[in-house]
């Protein structure tokens, strides 16, 4: 049996990270301005998955299909703290009323993918088998 105190940790949603997605976004000092991303908990991820899941006509679980594009947009909205994609000026500049459309209009394909990769890394979606095996071996010892 392990020590239960090891599992009494603060919520993970307090963790943020600054990432430079592109050199195009510069502050007044001429330096690149980072995006601020955050960790989401599994309850939030479940809500995103539910919103992005389309139900079939029969409402059977087997008729449900995940809209991966919508899920990606929802994940970006949930994880990006700054810039605020819901900001009215930002939406107006990129000619959309839907904040979910701002990142794909703002970013090039490569920038968008860098942002997604950074979010996936921060949230632990990209653990490699080697990392998992190291953690498993550590836990055994």
Protein backbone atom coordinates (compact mmCIF):
# COMPACT_ATOMS: atom_id res chain seq x y z
CA UNK A 1 0.00 0.00 0.00
CA UNK A 2 1.23 3.45 -0.86
CA UNK A 3 1.03 6.66 1.05
CA UNK A 4 -2.27 8.41 0.24
CA UNK A 5 -0.66 11.79 0.94
CA UNK A 6 1.32 11.44 -2.29
CA UNK A 7 -1.97 11.72 -4.18
CA UNK A 8 -3.25 14.80 -2.37
CA UNK A 9 -2.06 17.33 -4.91
CA UNK A 10 -3.47 20.67 -6.10
CA UNK A 11 -5.57 20.63 -9.27
CA UNK A 12 -3.55 20.38 -12.46
CA UNK A 13 -5.43 23.25 -14.12
CA UNK A 14 -3.21 25.79 -12.38
CA UNK A 15 -0.23 24.82 -14.55
CA UNK A 16 0.53 27.15 -17.44
CA UNK A 17 3.37 27.48 -19.92
CA UNK A 18 4.52 30.18 -22.31
CA UNK A 19 5.34 28.99 -25.83
CA UNK A 20 6.61 30.89 -28.84
CA UNK A 21 4.49 29.73 -31.76
CA UNK A 22 5.84 32.17 -34.32
CA UNK A 23 8.22 35.08 -34.68
CA UNK A 24 5.43 36.93 -36.53
CA UNK A 25 3.72 37.96 -33.30
CA UNK A 26 5.98 40.64 -31.83
CA UNK A 27 5.50 43.00 -28.93
CA UNK A 28 6.36 46.69 -28.94
CA UNK A 29 9.92 45.77 -27.97
CA UNK A 30 10.25 43.69 -31.16
CA UNK A 31 10.53 40.39 -29.29
CA UNK A 32 8.22 37.47 -30.04
CA UNK A 33 5.14 37.36 -27.81
CA UNK A 34 4.43 33.92 -26.38
CA UNK A 35 1.10 32.16 -26.30
CA UNK A 36 0.14 31.11 -22.77
CA UNK A 37 -1.33 27.63 -22.60
CA UNK A 38 -2.70 25.68 -19.67
CA UNK A 39 -3.36 22.16 -18.54
CA UNK A 40 -6.95 20.94 -18.44
CA UNK A 41 -8.28 18.21 -16.19
CA UNK A 42 -10.01 15.08 -17.44
CA UNK A 43 -13.46 16.40 -16.47
CA UNK A 44 -12.94 19.35 -18.83
CA UNK A 45 -11.61 17.04 -21.54
CA UNK A 46 -14.71 14.84 -21.16
CA UNK A 47 -16.94 17.89 -21.70
CA UNK A 48 -14.97 18.78 -24.85
CA UNK A 49 -15.26 15.23 -26.15
CA UNK A 50 -18.99 15.21 -25.46
CA UNK A 51 -19.46 18.51 -27.34
CA UNK A 52 -17.46 17.19 -30.29
CA UNK A 53 -19.27 13.86 -30.50
CA UNK A 54 -22.05 13.62 -33.03
CA UNK A 55 -24.85 11.21 -32.28
CA UNK A 56 -26.49 9.05 -34.91
CA UNK A 57 -30.21 8.85 -35.47
CA UNK A 58 -30.63 5.81 -33.23
CA UNK A 59 -28.76 7.36 -30.27
CA UNK A 60 -26.85 4.12 -29.76
CA UNK A 61 -23.33 4.49 -28.50
CA UNK A 62 -22.07 2.74 -31.64
CA UNK A 63 -23.64 5.47 -33.76
CA UNK A 64 -21.58 8.18 -32.10
CA UNK A 65 -18.66 9.69 -33.97
CA UNK A 66 -16.02 12.12 -32.75
CA UNK A 67 -15.64 15.22 -34.91
CA UNK A 68 -11.85 15.54 -34.58
CA UNK A 69 -11.77 18.98 -36.16
CA UNK A 70 -14.30 20.35 -33.68
CA UNK A 71 -12.51 18.62 -30.80
CA UNK A 72 -9.22 20.26 -31.83
CA UNK A 73 -10.87 23.68 -31.94
CA UNK A 74 -12.49 23.14 -28.54
CA UNK A 75 -9.19 21.94 -27.08
CA UNK A 76 -7.42 25.06 -28.34
CA UNK A 77 -10.12 27.29 -26.87
CA UNK A 78 -9.93 25.50 -23.51
CA UNK A 79 -6.12 25.45 -23.28
CA UNK A 80 -5.04 28.82 -24.71
CA UNK A 81 -5.10 31.50 -22.02
CA UNK A 82 -3.45 34.21 -24.10
CA UNK A 83 -4.29 35.48 -26.60
CA UNK A 84 -7.95 35.35 -25.66
CA UNK A 85 -9.66 34.05 -28.80
CA UNK A 86 -13.00 35.30 -27.43
CA UNK A 87 -11.79 38.92 -27.47
CA UNK A 88 -14.19 40.97 -29.63
CA UNK A 89 -11.36 42.95 -31.27
CA UNK A 90 -9.50 39.76 -32.18
CA UNK A 91 -12.66 38.18 -33.63
CA UNK A 92 -13.43 41.35 -35.58
CA UNK A 93 -9.89 41.56 -36.96
CA UNK A 94 -10.08 37.98 -38.23
CA UNK A 95 -13.62 38.56 -39.54
CA UNK A 96 -15.47 35.98 -37.47
CA UNK A 97 -18.03 35.97 -34.71
CA UNK A 98 -16.98 32.48 -33.64
CA UNK A 99 -13.92 32.38 -31.36
CA UNK A 100 -13.32 28.77 -32.44
CA UNK A 101 -12.44 30.07 -35.92
CA UNK A 102 -9.85 32.63 -34.76
CA UNK A 103 -6.82 30.30 -34.42
CA UNK A 104 -7.19 28.78 -37.89
CA UNK A 105 -7.49 32.24 -39.43
CA UNK A 106 -4.69 33.71 -37.32
CA UNK A 107 -2.11 30.96 -37.68
CA UNK A 108 -0.40 29.27 -40.59
CA UNK A 109 -0.69 25.48 -40.78
CA UNK A 110 2.72 25.05 -39.21
CA UNK A 111 2.02 27.52 -36.41
CA UNK A 112 -1.32 25.84 -35.71
CA UNK A 113 0.40 22.45 -35.51
CA UNK A 114 3.12 23.82 -33.20
CA UNK A 115 0.42 25.15 -30.88
CA UNK A 116 -1.45 21.83 -30.89
CA UNK A 117 1.79 19.91 -30.20
CA UNK A 118 2.65 22.23 -27.29
CA UNK A 119 -0.83 21.75 -25.81
CA UNK A 120 -0.58 17.98 -26.25
CA UNK A 121 2.85 17.88 -24.57
CA UNK A 122 1.74 20.04 -21.64
CA UNK A 123 -1.36 17.92 -21.09
CA UNK A 124 0.60 14.66 -21.34
CA UNK A 125 -1.12 13.41 -24.48
CA UNK A 126 2.22 12.68 -26.17
CA UNK A 127 3.93 10.38 -23.69
CA UNK A 128 6.15 8.03 -25.59
CA UNK A 129 6.33 4.35 -24.77
CA UNK A 130 9.87 4.92 -23.45
CA UNK A 131 8.67 7.55 -20.97
CA UNK A 132 5.81 5.30 -19.86
CA UNK A 133 8.18 2.36 -19.39
CA UNK A 134 10.60 4.52 -17.38
CA UNK A 135 7.76 5.69 -15.13
CA UNK A 136 6.47 2.13 -14.78
CA UNK A 137 9.97 0.87 -13.87
CA UNK A 138 10.35 3.72 -11.37
CA UNK A 139 7.01 2.81 -9.77
CA UNK A 140 8.07 -0.84 -9.46
CA UNK A 141 11.23 0.15 -7.61
